[in-house]
Amino acid sequence: LSSNRSPVEQIKVMEIYHRITSHQQQHRRPTSKQSE
C-alpha cells in the first residue's frame, strides 16, 4: 500500500485483499471451518 492513496482507497484495497486472502484460505482448506 502506498501512502499516496486516500484513506478511502486504502480501505477499499484492504477489503479486496481481505476477500482474496480469505477466499484462498477457504479454497485451500475447506475443512478448517468444520474443525472449528
C-alpha atoms as a PDB file:
ATOM      1  CA  LEU A   1       0.000   0.000   0.000  1.00  0.00           C
ATOM      2  CA  SER A   2       1.321   3.419  -0.918  1.00  0.00           C
ATOM      3  CA  SER A   3       0.730   6.484   1.257  1.00  0.00           C
ATOM      4  CA  ASN A   4      -0.202   8.390  -1.917  1.00  0.00           C
ATOM      5  CA  ARG A   5      -3.668   6.904  -1.823  1.00  0.00           C
ATOM      6  CA  SER A   6      -6.545   8.419   0.087  1.00  0.00           C
ATOM      7  CA  PRO A   7      -7.869   6.635   3.202  1.00  0.00           C
ATOM      8  CA  VAL A   8     -10.960   5.552   1.294  1.00  0.00           C
ATOM      9  CA  GLU A   9      -8.879   3.922  -1.425  1.00  0.00           C
ATOM     10  CA  GLN A  10      -6.721   2.193   1.173  1.00  0.00           C
ATOM     11  CA  ILE A  11      -9.814   0.806   2.847  1.00  0.00           C
ATOM     12  CA  LYS A  12     -11.123  -0.490  -0.470  1.00  0.00           C
ATOM     13  CA  VAL A  13      -7.791  -2.124  -1.229  1.00  0.00           C
ATOM     14  CA  MET A  14      -7.702  -3.740   2.194  1.00  0.00           C
ATOM     15  CA  GLU A  15     -11.254  -5.042   1.769  1.00  0.00           C
ATOM     16  CA  ILE A  16     -10.418  -6.539  -1.619  1.00  0.00           C
ATOM     17  CA  TYR A  17      -7.184  -8.008  -0.272  1.00  0.00           C
ATOM     18  CA  HIS A  18      -9.009  -9.496   2.694  1.00  0.00           C
ATOM     19  CA  ARG A  19     -11.635 -11.049   0.432  1.00  0.00           C
ATOM     20  CA  ILE A  20      -8.959 -12.565  -1.799  1.00  0.00           C
ATOM     21  CA  THR A  21      -6.922 -13.990   1.079  1.00  0.00           C
ATOM     22  CA  SER A  22      -9.967 -15.332   2.919  1.00  0.00           C
ATOM     23  CA  HIS A  23     -11.252 -16.870  -0.311  1.00  0.00           C
ATOM     24  CA  GLN A  24      -7.894 -18.526  -0.935  1.00  0.00           C
ATOM     25  CA  GLN A  25      -7.828 -19.917   2.597  1.00  0.00           C
ATOM     26  CA  GLN A  26     -11.318 -21.353   2.149  1.00  0.00           C
ATOM     27  CA  HIS A  27     -10.244 -22.825  -1.159  1.00  0.00           C
ATOM     28  CA  ARG A  28      -7.105 -24.396   0.245  1.00  0.00           C
ATOM     29  CA  ARG A  29      -8.611 -25.715   3.482  1.00  0.00           C
ATOM     30  CA  PRO A  30     -12.388 -26.163   3.147  1.00  0.00           C
ATOM     31  CA  THR A  31     -12.419 -28.314   6.291  1.00  0.00           C
ATOM     32  CA  SER A  32     -10.999 -25.578   8.533  1.00  0.00           C
ATOM     33  CA  LYS A  33     -14.490 -24.261   9.311  1.00  0.00           C
ATOM     34  CA  GLN A  34     -15.758 -27.735  10.143  1.00  0.00           C
ATOM     35  CA  SER A  35     -12.878 -28.407  12.531  1.00  0.00           C
ATOM     36  CA  GLU A  36     -13.525 -25.107  14.315  1.00  0.00           C
END
